[in-house]
Amino acid sequence: MVSRRSRFEVSGPGVLSSGSGRRAIPVRKAVPGLLVEVVSDGFVGAVVACDPRRVTLEDRRGRQRTFTLSPGAFMVDEVAVELRPAASPTPPGTPVGGTDPLGRTASGSVPAADQGARTARGSRLWVEGIHDAELLETVWGDDLRAAAVVVEPLHGADDLSAAVRVFRPAPHRRLGILLDHLVPGSKESRLAAAVDHPDVLVVGHPFVDVWAAIDPAVLGRTSWPEVPRDEAYKDGFARRVGFADRYEAWRTLAGLVRTWDDLDRSLIQAVERLLDHVTAEDQPR
């Protein structure tokens, strides 16, 4: 297994019938590694293979499922899309975004020997949304698979305490939680303070959104724009940087992140702490 990066290619619009009208939906090339959500049941996985009729996805537990292609049946970057096979499929075994010439992974670690399929450990790593999950997959994907750690998006952290109680953390079932905007006085800091359990670690970065934890140098900038609090961050960010919309902005940013050198140090340190925490049952007490 190699670490995957989300890569988006846009061709012409698809058309989805809806009642008496027809609405155009975007077409995405099913490039290996593209992170896709299945609308019908919420299954999320990276593209493994795609032909004109079917696409095979693999989730973070290593499970593979095959789905029939149908316009609007899949979500990419929170948008309903039509998937189509890539014009030039990536040969099997070709890394999509993994190691450097010295054999190190995108997170700077030495790849573990191939251990074959593994059962996911009981511990989990929670992030706020799908974009956080994509960045972790890009940079730490090899590490996560080697440790059999599953990353799960919360899609918002407002009910964090309740979600932790439902999870029922324990020494063999640790929980690591990554939050945006974890600074004194923020909503996230209050949510984190409400979680008090020895087997739960809540850490974060200071940025309002994980987008801003990407080094602006990837776009040749020295800083990201400030977005007023009364404005949707992603929309305001995209407009000020010069993108057509939030979807184009994320496609570009995600495609430019290759290693942890493209991320802010605060995010790197937070993720490394979480990985240490959720794998701590491997360490002698």
C-alpha atoms as a PDB file:
ATOM      1  CA  MET A   1       0.000   0.000   0.000  1.00  0.00           C
ATOM      2  CA  VAL A   2       1.292   3.478  -0.782  1.00  0.00           C
ATOM      3  CA  SER A   3       0.185   6.810   0.577  1.00  0.00           C
ATOM      4  CA  ARG A   4      -2.388   8.494  -1.625  1.00  0.00           C
ATOM      5  CA  ARG A   5      -2.965  12.084  -2.560  1.00  0.00           C
ATOM      6  CA  SER A   6      -6.235  13.516  -3.758  1.00  0.00           C
ATOM      7  CA  ARG A   7      -5.855  14.652  -7.373  1.00  0.00           C
ATOM      8  CA  PHE A   8      -8.709  16.168  -9.278  1.00  0.00           C
ATOM      9  CA  GLU A   9      -9.079  16.561 -13.018  1.00  0.00           C
ATOM     10  CA  VAL A  10     -12.089  18.287 -14.474  1.00  0.00           C
ATOM     11  CA  SER A  11     -13.573  17.484 -17.853  1.00  0.00           C
ATOM     12  CA  GLY A  12     -16.909  18.600 -19.234  1.00  0.00           C
ATOM     13  CA  PRO A  13     -20.047  18.807 -17.100  1.00  0.00           C
ATOM     14  CA  GLY A  14     -22.294  15.823 -16.583  1.00  0.00           C
ATOM     15  CA  VAL A  15     -26.058  16.126 -16.490  1.00  0.00           C
ATOM     16  CA  LEU A  16     -28.296  14.721 -13.803  1.00  0.00           C
ATOM     17  CA  SER A  17     -32.055  14.603 -14.305  1.00  0.00           C
ATOM     18  CA  SER A  18     -34.038  16.050 -11.425  1.00  0.00           C
ATOM     19  CA  GLY A  19     -37.814  16.156 -11.717  1.00  0.00           C
ATOM     20  CA  SER A  20     -38.777  18.344 -14.637  1.00  0.00           C
ATOM     21  CA  GLY A  21     -35.370  19.999 -14.854  1.00  0.00           C
ATOM     22  CA  ARG A  22     -31.808  19.005 -15.533  1.00  0.00           C
ATOM     23  CA  ARG A  23     -28.837  20.265 -13.618  1.00  0.00           C
ATOM     24  CA  ALA A  24     -25.230  20.027 -14.673  1.00  0.00           C
ATOM     25  CA  ILE A  25     -22.889  18.256 -12.306  1.00  0.00           C
ATOM     26  CA  PRO A  26     -19.108  18.240 -12.518  1.00  0.00           C
ATOM     27  CA  VAL A  27     -17.200  15.278 -13.904  1.00  0.00           C
ATOM     28  CA  ARG A  28     -14.135  14.060 -12.017  1.00  0.00           C
ATOM     29  CA  LYS A  29     -11.519  11.728 -13.374  1.00  0.00           C
ATOM     30  CA  ALA A  30     -11.219   8.699 -11.090  1.00  0.00           C
ATOM     31  CA  VAL A  31      -7.467   9.035 -10.637  1.00  0.00           C
ATOM     32  CA  PRO A  32      -5.989   6.426  -8.261  1.00  0.00           C
ATOM     33  CA  GLY A  33      -5.868   7.946  -4.797  1.00  0.00           C
ATOM     34  CA  LEU A  34      -8.820  10.315  -5.285  1.00  0.00           C
ATOM     35  CA  LEU A  35     -10.842  10.373  -2.048  1.00  0.00           C
ATOM     36  CA  VAL A  36     -14.510   9.657  -2.758  1.00  0.00           C
ATOM     37  CA  GLU A  37     -17.663   9.382  -0.649  1.00  0.00           C
ATOM     38  CA  VAL A  38     -20.548   7.171  -1.755  1.00  0.00           C
ATOM     39  CA  VAL A  39     -23.792   9.127  -1.442  1.00  0.00           C
ATOM     40  CA  SER A  40     -26.032   6.117  -0.811  1.00  0.00           C
ATOM     41  CA  ASP A  41     -24.302   4.757   2.291  1.00  0.00           C
ATOM     42  CA  GLY A  42     -21.533   7.181   3.297  1.00  0.00           C
ATOM     43  CA  PHE A  43     -18.655   4.808   2.481  1.00  0.00           C
ATOM     44  CA  VAL A  44     -15.444   6.825   2.030  1.00  0.00           C
ATOM     45  CA  GLY A  45     -12.427   5.467   0.219  1.00  0.00           C
ATOM     46  CA  ALA A  46      -9.639   6.185  -2.229  1.00  0.00           C
ATOM     47  CA  VAL A  47      -9.944   5.122  -5.851  1.00  0.00           C
ATOM     48  CA  VAL A  48      -8.083   1.883  -6.515  1.00  0.00           C
ATOM     49  CA  ALA A  49      -9.381   1.121 -10.006  1.00  0.00           C
ATOM     50  CA  CYS A  50     -12.017   2.392 -12.390  1.00  0.00           C
ATOM     51  CA  ASP A  51     -13.418   1.181 -15.705  1.00  0.00           C
ATOM     52  CA  PRO A  52     -16.321   2.593 -17.750  1.00  0.00           C
ATOM     53  CA  ARG A  53     -18.849   0.747 -15.577  1.00  0.00           C
ATOM     54  CA  ARG A  54     -17.442   0.415 -12.054  1.00  0.00           C
ATOM     55  CA  VAL A  55     -15.111   2.035  -9.549  1.00  0.00           C
ATOM     56  CA  THR A  56     -13.297   0.256  -6.716  1.00  0.00           C
ATOM     57  CA  LEU A  57     -12.647   2.195  -3.520  1.00  0.00           C
ATOM     58  CA  GLU A  58     -10.498   1.296  -0.518  1.00  0.00           C
ATOM     59  CA  ASP A  59     -11.189   2.791   2.907  1.00  0.00           C
ATOM     60  CA  ARG A  60      -8.745   3.483   5.711  1.00  0.00           C
ATOM     61  CA  ARG A  61      -9.287   0.000   7.138  1.00  0.00           C
ATOM     62  CA  GLY A  62      -8.063  -1.528   3.898  1.00  0.00           C
ATOM     63  CA  ARG A  63     -11.540  -2.716   2.902  1.00  0.00           C
ATOM     64  CA  GLN A  64     -12.312  -2.572  -0.811  1.00  0.00           C
ATOM     65  CA  ARG A  65     -15.776  -2.183  -2.324  1.00  0.00           C
ATOM     66  CA  THR A  66     -16.880  -1.829  -5.933  1.00  0.00           C
ATOM     67  CA  PHE A  67     -19.686   0.503  -7.029  1.00  0.00           C
ATOM     68  CA  THR A  68     -21.503   1.033 -10.300  1.00  0.00           C
ATOM     69  CA  LEU A  69     -20.791   4.393 -11.892  1.00  0.00           C
ATOM     70  CA  SER A  70     -23.781   6.698 -11.960  1.00  0.00           C
ATOM     71  CA  PRO A  71     -23.968  10.516 -12.232  1.00  0.00           C
ATOM     72  CA  GLY A  72     -24.316  12.094  -8.807  1.00  0.00           C
ATOM     73  CA  ALA A  73     -23.727   8.812  -6.945  1.00  0.00           C
ATOM     74  CA  PHE A  74     -20.434  10.001  -5.475  1.00  0.00           C
ATOM     75  CA  MET A  75     -19.135  13.020  -3.582  1.00  0.00           C
ATOM     76  CA  VAL A  76     -15.719  14.602  -4.036  1.00  0.00           C
ATOM     77  CA  ASP A  77     -14.794  17.518  -1.810  1.00  0.00           C
ATOM     78  CA  GLU A  78     -18.426  17.668  -0.578  1.00  0.00           C
ATOM     79  CA  VAL A  79     -19.793  18.028  -4.131  1.00  0.00           C
ATOM     80  CA  ALA A  80     -21.900  15.451  -5.997  1.00  0.00           C
ATOM     81  CA  VAL A  81     -19.981  14.389  -9.098  1.00  0.00           C
ATOM     82  CA  GLU A  82     -19.925  11.990 -11.998  1.00  0.00           C
ATOM     83  CA  LEU A  83     -16.868   9.754 -11.899  1.00  0.00           C
ATOM     84  CA  ARG A  84     -15.202   8.682 -15.119  1.00  0.00           C
ATOM     85  CA  PRO A  85     -12.115   6.560 -15.746  1.00  0.00           C
ATOM     86  CA  ALA A  86      -8.870   8.465 -16.109  1.00  0.00           C
ATOM     87  CA  ALA A  87      -7.746   8.701 -19.722  1.00  0.00           C
ATOM     88  CA  SER A  88      -4.341   7.261 -18.880  1.00  0.00           C
ATOM     89  CA  PRO A  89      -4.641   4.888 -15.926  1.00  0.00           C
ATOM     90  CA  THR A  90      -1.768   4.817 -13.481  1.00  0.00           C
ATOM     91  CA  PRO A  91       0.120   1.507 -13.799  1.00  0.00           C
ATOM     92  CA  PRO A  92      -0.423  -0.820 -10.812  1.00  0.00           C
ATOM     93  CA  GLY A  93       2.121  -0.248  -8.076  1.00  0.00           C
ATOM     94  CA  THR A  94       2.996   3.297  -9.128  1.00  0.00           C
ATOM     95  CA  PRO A  95       3.325   5.550  -6.046  1.00  0.00           C
ATOM     96  CA  VAL A  96       0.788   8.361  -6.074  1.00  0.00           C
ATOM     97  CA  GLY A  97       2.522  10.593  -3.569  1.00  0.00           C
ATOM     98  CA  GLY A  98       4.648   8.551  -1.226  1.00  0.00           C
ATOM     99  CA  THR A  99       8.400   8.446  -0.769  1.00  0.00           C
ATOM    100  CA  ASP A 100      11.385  10.569  -1.693  1.00  0.00           C
ATOM    101  CA  PRO A 101      14.485   9.262  -3.542  1.00  0.00           C
ATOM    102  CA  LEU A 102      15.959   8.114  -0.216  1.00  0.00           C
ATOM    103  CA  GLY A 103      12.926   5.959   0.467  1.00  0.00           C
ATOM    104  CA  ARG A 104      11.426   8.112   3.209  1.00  0.00           C
ATOM    105  CA  THR A 105       7.701   8.685   3.422  1.00  0.00           C
ATOM    106  CA  ALA A 106       6.018  12.065   3.046  1.00  0.00           C
ATOM    107  CA  SER A 107       6.230  12.455   6.830  1.00  0.00           C
ATOM    108  CA  GLY A 108       9.983  11.864   6.825  1.00  0.00           C
ATOM    109  CA  SER A 109       9.826   8.390   8.347  1.00  0.00           C
ATOM    110  CA  VAL A 110      11.374   5.172   7.092  1.00  0.00           C
ATOM    111  CA  PRO A 111       8.689   2.915   5.541  1.00  0.00           C
ATOM    112  CA  ALA A 112       7.909  -0.227   7.507  1.00  0.00           C
ATOM    113  CA  ALA A 113       8.252  -3.577   5.795  1.00  0.00           C
ATOM    114  CA  ASP A 114       5.072  -4.721   4.058  1.00  0.00           C
ATOM    115  CA  GLN A 115       3.045  -6.545   6.689  1.00  0.00           C
ATOM    116  CA  GLY A 116       0.114  -7.397   4.452  1.00  0.00           C
ATOM    117  CA  ALA A 117      -3.475  -6.788   5.474  1.00  0.00           C
ATOM    118  CA  ARG A 118      -3.908  -5.867   9.123  1.00  0.00           C
ATOM    119  CA  THR A 119      -6.919  -5.519  11.362  1.00  0.00           C
ATOM    120  CA  ALA A 120      -7.395  -1.909  12.419  1.00  0.00           C
ATOM    121  CA  ARG A 121      -6.574  -1.281  16.067  1.00  0.00           C
ATOM    122  CA  GLY A 122      -9.311  -0.173  18.416  1.00  0.00           C
ATOM    123  CA  SER A 123      -7.782   3.258  18.854  1.00  0.00           C
ATOM    124  CA  ARG A 124      -8.901   6.028  16.522  1.00  0.00           C
ATOM    125  CA  LEU A 125      -7.764   9.431  15.334  1.00  0.00           C
ATOM    126  CA  TRP A 126     -10.564  11.975  14.892  1.00  0.00           C
ATOM    127  CA  VAL A 127     -10.318  15.112  12.766  1.00  0.00           C
ATOM    128  CA  GLU A 128     -12.901  17.825  12.168  1.00  0.00           C
ATOM    129  CA  GLY A 129     -13.555  17.314   8.468  1.00  0.00           C
ATOM    130  CA  ILE A 130     -12.709  15.585   5.221  1.00  0.00           C
ATOM    131  CA  HIS A 131     -10.005  18.106   4.303  1.00  0.00           C
ATOM    132  CA  ASP A 132      -8.123  17.406   7.539  1.00  0.00           C
ATOM    133  CA  ALA A 133      -8.394  13.695   6.752  1.00  0.00           C
ATOM    134  CA  GLU A 134      -7.051  14.225   3.230  1.00  0.00           C
ATOM    135  CA  LEU A 135      -4.008  16.132   4.486  1.00  0.00           C
ATOM    136  CA  LEU A 136      -3.240  13.401   7.010  1.00  0.00           C
ATOM    137  CA  GLU A 137      -3.567  10.778   4.295  1.00  0.00           C
ATOM    138  CA  THR A 138      -1.237  12.713   1.993  1.00  0.00           C
ATOM    139  CA  VAL A 139       1.516  13.159   4.556  1.00  0.00           C
ATOM    140  CA  TRP A 140       1.032  10.403   7.136  1.00  0.00           C
ATOM    141  CA  GLY A 141      -0.794   7.772   5.075  1.00  0.00           C
ATOM    142  CA  ASP A 142       2.070   5.277   5.159  1.00  0.00           C
ATOM    143  CA  ASP A 143       2.516   5.740   8.912  1.00  0.00           C
ATOM    144  CA  LEU A 144      -1.204   5.328   9.560  1.00  0.00           C
ATOM    145  CA  ARG A 145      -1.405   2.090   7.611  1.00  0.00           C
ATOM    146  CA  ALA A 146       1.758   0.710   9.197  1.00  0.00           C
ATOM    147  CA  ALA A 147       0.232   1.388  12.622  1.00  0.00           C
ATOM    148  CA  ALA A 148      -3.260   0.213  11.526  1.00  0.00           C
ATOM    149  CA  VAL A 149      -4.736   3.511  12.731  1.00  0.00           C
ATOM    150  CA  VAL A 150      -8.025   4.690  11.245  1.00  0.00           C
ATOM    151  CA  VAL A 151      -8.719   8.412  10.745  1.00  0.00           C
ATOM    152  CA  GLU A 152     -12.381   9.408  11.068  1.00  0.00           C
ATOM    153  CA  PRO A 153     -13.819  12.858  10.204  1.00  0.00           C
ATOM    154  CA  LEU A 154     -16.157  14.293  12.846  1.00  0.00           C
ATOM    155  CA  HIS A 155     -17.811  16.704  10.375  1.00  0.00           C
ATOM    156  CA  GLY A 156     -17.844  19.252  13.181  1.00  0.00           C
ATOM    157  CA  ALA A 157     -16.885  19.066  16.852  1.00  0.00           C
ATOM    158  CA  ASP A 158     -19.847  20.718  18.586  1.00  0.00           C
ATOM    159  CA  ASP A 159     -20.925  17.427  20.202  1.00  0.00           C
ATOM    160  CA  LEU A 160     -17.409  16.318  21.037  1.00  0.00           C
ATOM    161  CA  SER A 161     -18.006  15.300  24.662  1.00  0.00           C
ATOM    162  CA  ALA A 162     -21.010  13.176  23.727  1.00  0.00           C
ATOM    163  CA  ALA A 163     -19.092  11.524  20.892  1.00  0.00           C
ATOM    164  CA  VAL A 164     -16.232  10.659  23.258  1.00  0.00           C
ATOM    165  CA  ARG A 165     -18.652   9.073  25.728  1.00  0.00           C
ATOM    166  CA  VAL A 166     -20.178   6.964  22.971  1.00  0.00           C
ATOM    167  CA  PHE A 167     -16.702   5.862  21.863  1.00  0.00           C
ATOM    168  CA  ARG A 168     -15.911   4.593  25.390  1.00  0.00           C
ATOM    169  CA  PRO A 169     -12.118   5.103  25.358  1.00  0.00           C
ATOM    170  CA  ALA A 170      -9.899   2.696  27.279  1.00  0.00           C
ATOM    171  CA  PRO A 171      -6.168   1.843  27.449  1.00  0.00           C
ATOM    172  CA  HIS A 172      -6.571  -0.538  24.503  1.00  0.00           C
ATOM    173  CA  ARG A 173      -8.951   1.859  22.747  1.00  0.00           C
ATOM    174  CA  ARG A 174      -7.316   5.248  22.801  1.00  0.00           C
ATOM    175  CA  LEU A 175      -8.676   8.326  21.105  1.00  0.00           C
ATOM    176  CA  GLY A 176      -6.705  11.182  19.563  1.00  0.00           C
ATOM    177  CA  ILE A 177      -8.581  14.304  18.464  1.00  0.00           C
ATOM    178  CA  LEU A 178      -7.260  17.051  16.184  1.00  0.00           C
ATOM    179  CA  LEU A 179      -9.066  20.402  16.391  1.00  0.00           C
ATOM    180  CA  ASP A 180      -8.793  23.605  14.400  1.00  0.00           C
ATOM    181  CA  HIS A 181      -8.348  26.963  16.132  1.00  0.00           C
ATOM    182  CA  LEU A 182      -7.258  25.521  19.469  1.00  0.00           C
ATOM    183  CA  VAL A 183      -6.288  28.821  21.095  1.00  0.00           C
ATOM    184  CA  PRO A 184      -7.236  30.363  24.460  1.00  0.00           C
ATOM    185  CA  GLY A 185     -10.824  31.618  24.521  1.00  0.00           C
ATOM    186  CA  SER A 186     -11.929  29.861  21.338  1.00  0.00           C
ATOM    187  CA  LYS A 187     -14.972  27.589  21.099  1.00  0.00           C
ATOM    188  CA  GLU A 188     -12.627  24.727  20.338  1.00  0.00           C
ATOM    189  CA  SER A 189     -10.629  25.338  23.508  1.00  0.00           C
ATOM    190  CA  ARG A 190     -13.835  25.051  25.542  1.00  0.00           C
ATOM    191  CA  LEU A 191     -14.798  21.846  23.754  1.00  0.00           C
ATOM    192  CA  ALA A 192     -11.350  20.407  24.433  1.00  0.00           C
ATOM    193  CA  ALA A 193     -11.468  21.392  28.120  1.00  0.00           C
ATOM    194  CA  ALA A 194     -14.743  19.505  28.517  1.00  0.00           C
ATOM    195  CA  VAL A 195     -13.055  16.235  27.527  1.00  0.00           C
ATOM    196  CA  ASP A 196     -11.304  14.739  30.542  1.00  0.00           C
ATOM    197  CA  HIS A 197     -10.193  11.145  30.112  1.00  0.00           C
ATOM    198  CA  PRO A 198      -6.719   9.579  30.527  1.00  0.00           C
ATOM    199  CA  ASP A 199      -7.015   7.712  27.232  1.00  0.00           C
ATOM    200  CA  VAL A 200      -8.091  10.750  25.190  1.00  0.00           C
ATOM    201  CA  LEU A 201      -5.707  13.376  23.861  1.00  0.00           C
ATOM    202  CA  VAL A 202      -7.069  16.558  22.303  1.00  0.00           C
ATOM    203  CA  VAL A 203      -4.561  18.753  20.471  1.00  0.00           C
ATOM    204  CA  GLY A 204      -4.788  21.188  17.614  1.00  0.00           C
ATOM    205  CA  HIS A 205      -3.327  24.042  15.636  1.00  0.00           C
ATOM    206  CA  PRO A 206      -4.037  27.790  15.956  1.00  0.00           C
ATOM    207  CA  PHE A 207      -5.602  28.309  12.527  1.00  0.00           C
ATOM    208  CA  VAL A 208      -9.328  28.878  11.991  1.00  0.00           C
ATOM    209  CA  ASP A 209      -9.296  26.188   9.310  1.00  0.00           C
ATOM    210  CA  VAL A 210      -6.786  23.512   8.361  1.00  0.00           C
ATOM    211  CA  TRP A 211      -6.432  25.204   4.955  1.00  0.00           C
ATOM    212  CA  ALA A 212      -4.380  27.915   6.622  1.00  0.00           C
ATOM    213  CA  ALA A 213      -2.035  25.286   8.080  1.00  0.00           C
ATOM    214  CA  ILE A 214      -0.726  24.700   4.565  1.00  0.00           C
ATOM    215  CA  ASP A 215       2.431  26.706   3.917  1.00  0.00           C
ATOM    216  CA  PRO A 216       1.466  29.684   1.700  1.00  0.00           C
ATOM    217  CA  ALA A 217       4.775  29.184  -0.100  1.00  0.00           C
ATOM    218  CA  VAL A 218       3.156  26.330  -2.061  1.00  0.00           C
ATOM    219  CA  LEU A 219       1.373  29.086  -3.994  1.00  0.00           C
ATOM    220  CA  GLY A 220       4.332  31.457  -3.958  1.00  0.00           C
ATOM    221  CA  ARG A 221       2.808  33.569  -1.183  1.00  0.00           C
ATOM    222  CA  THR A 222       4.229  34.770   2.110  1.00  0.00           C
ATOM    223  CA  SER A 223       0.907  34.636   3.980  1.00  0.00           C
ATOM    224  CA  TRP A 224      -2.760  33.715   3.659  1.00  0.00           C
ATOM    225  CA  PRO A 225      -5.466  36.396   3.674  1.00  0.00           C
ATOM    226  CA  GLU A 226      -7.428  37.340   6.761  1.00  0.00           C
ATOM    227  CA  VAL A 227     -11.119  36.437   6.479  1.00  0.00           C
ATOM    228  CA  PRO A 228     -13.662  38.300   8.675  1.00  0.00           C
ATOM    229  CA  ARG A 229     -15.423  36.126  11.255  1.00  0.00           C
ATOM    230  CA  ASP A 230     -18.845  36.879   9.806  1.00  0.00           C
ATOM    231  CA  GLU A 231     -17.829  35.409   6.457  1.00  0.00           C
ATOM    232  CA  ALA A 232     -17.621  31.706   5.533  1.00  0.00           C
ATOM    233  CA  TYR A 233     -13.900  31.051   5.831  1.00  0.00           C
ATOM    234  CA  LYS A 234     -13.399  28.804   2.821  1.00  0.00           C
ATOM    235  CA  ASP A 235     -15.393  31.045   0.482  1.00  0.00           C
ATOM    236  CA  GLY A 236     -13.632  34.173   1.708  1.00  0.00           C
ATOM    237  CA  PHE A 237     -10.242  32.484   1.491  1.00  0.00           C
ATOM    238  CA  ALA A 238     -10.862  31.299  -2.079  1.00  0.00           C
ATOM    239  CA  ARG A 239     -12.061  34.694  -3.264  1.00  0.00           C
ATOM    240  CA  ARG A 240      -9.160  36.602  -1.724  1.00  0.00           C
ATOM    241  CA  VAL A 241      -6.550  34.203  -3.083  1.00  0.00           C
ATOM    242  CA  GLY A 242      -8.068  34.388  -6.560  1.00  0.00           C
ATOM    243  CA  PHE A 243      -9.896  31.076  -7.034  1.00  0.00           C
ATOM    244  CA  ALA A 244     -13.297  30.709  -8.654  1.00  0.00           C
ATOM    245  CA  ASP A 245     -14.721  28.991  -5.563  1.00  0.00           C
ATOM    246  CA  ARG A 246     -13.834  26.902  -2.536  1.00  0.00           C
ATOM    247  CA  TYR A 247     -13.740  23.695  -4.574  1.00  0.00           C
ATOM    248  CA  GLU A 248     -11.143  24.972  -7.005  1.00  0.00           C
ATOM    249  CA  ALA A 249      -9.157  26.345  -4.056  1.00  0.00           C
ATOM    250  CA  TRP A 250      -9.055  23.015  -2.240  1.00  0.00           C
ATOM    251  CA  ARG A 251      -8.269  21.012  -5.373  1.00  0.00           C
ATOM    252  CA  THR A 252      -5.269  23.247  -5.967  1.00  0.00           C
ATOM    253  CA  LEU A 253      -4.044  23.348  -2.378  1.00  0.00           C
ATOM    254  CA  ALA A 254      -4.429  19.613  -1.805  1.00  0.00           C
ATOM    255  CA  GLY A 255      -2.577  18.884  -5.034  1.00  0.00           C
ATOM    256  CA  LEU A 256       0.373  21.038  -3.970  1.00  0.00           C
ATOM    257  CA  VAL A 257       0.945  19.383  -0.582  1.00  0.00           C
ATOM    258  CA  ARG A 258       3.533  16.644  -0.990  1.00  0.00           C
ATOM    259  CA  THR A 259       5.375  16.280   2.335  1.00  0.00           C
ATOM    260  CA  TRP A 260       5.154  17.674   5.826  1.00  0.00           C
ATOM    261  CA  ASP A 261       7.497  20.463   4.712  1.00  0.00           C
ATOM    262  CA  ASP A 262       4.388  21.934   3.051  1.00  0.00           C
ATOM    263  CA  LEU A 263       2.569  22.199   6.390  1.00  0.00           C
ATOM    264  CA  ASP A 264       2.880  24.517   9.375  1.00  0.00           C
ATOM    265  CA  ARG A 265       4.957  23.160  12.226  1.00  0.00           C
ATOM    266  CA  SER A 266       2.045  23.406  14.671  1.00  0.00           C
ATOM    267  CA  LEU A 267      -0.002  20.928  12.633  1.00  0.00           C
ATOM    268  CA  ILE A 268       2.945  18.571  12.247  1.00  0.00           C
ATOM    269  CA  GLN A 269       3.624  18.546  15.971  1.00  0.00           C
ATOM    270  CA  ALA A 270      -0.054  17.989  16.778  1.00  0.00           C
ATOM    271  CA  VAL A 271      -0.382  15.006  14.447  1.00  0.00           C
ATOM    272  CA  GLU A 272       2.862  13.447  15.669  1.00  0.00           C
ATOM    273  CA  ARG A 273       1.636  13.695  19.271  1.00  0.00           C
ATOM    274  CA  LEU A 274      -1.658  12.083  18.316  1.00  0.00           C
ATOM    275  CA  LEU A 275       0.060   9.205  16.531  1.00  0.00           C
ATOM    276  CA  ASP A 276       2.237   8.589  19.581  1.00  0.00           C
ATOM    277  CA  HIS A 277      -0.855   8.640  21.781  1.00  0.00           C
ATOM    278  CA  VAL A 278      -3.045   6.248  19.797  1.00  0.00           C
ATOM    279  CA  THR A 279      -0.218   3.733  19.410  1.00  0.00           C
ATOM    280  CA  ALA A 280       0.829   3.958  23.070  1.00  0.00           C
ATOM    281  CA  GLU A 281      -0.611   0.532  23.899  1.00  0.00           C
ATOM    282  CA  ASP A 282       2.344  -0.843  21.910  1.00  0.00           C
ATOM    283  CA  GLN A 283       4.740   0.679  24.443  1.00  0.00           C
ATOM    284  CA  PRO A 284       5.691  -0.998  27.741  1.00  0.00           C
ATOM    285  CA  ARG A 285       4.138   0.598  30.798  1.00  0.00           C
END
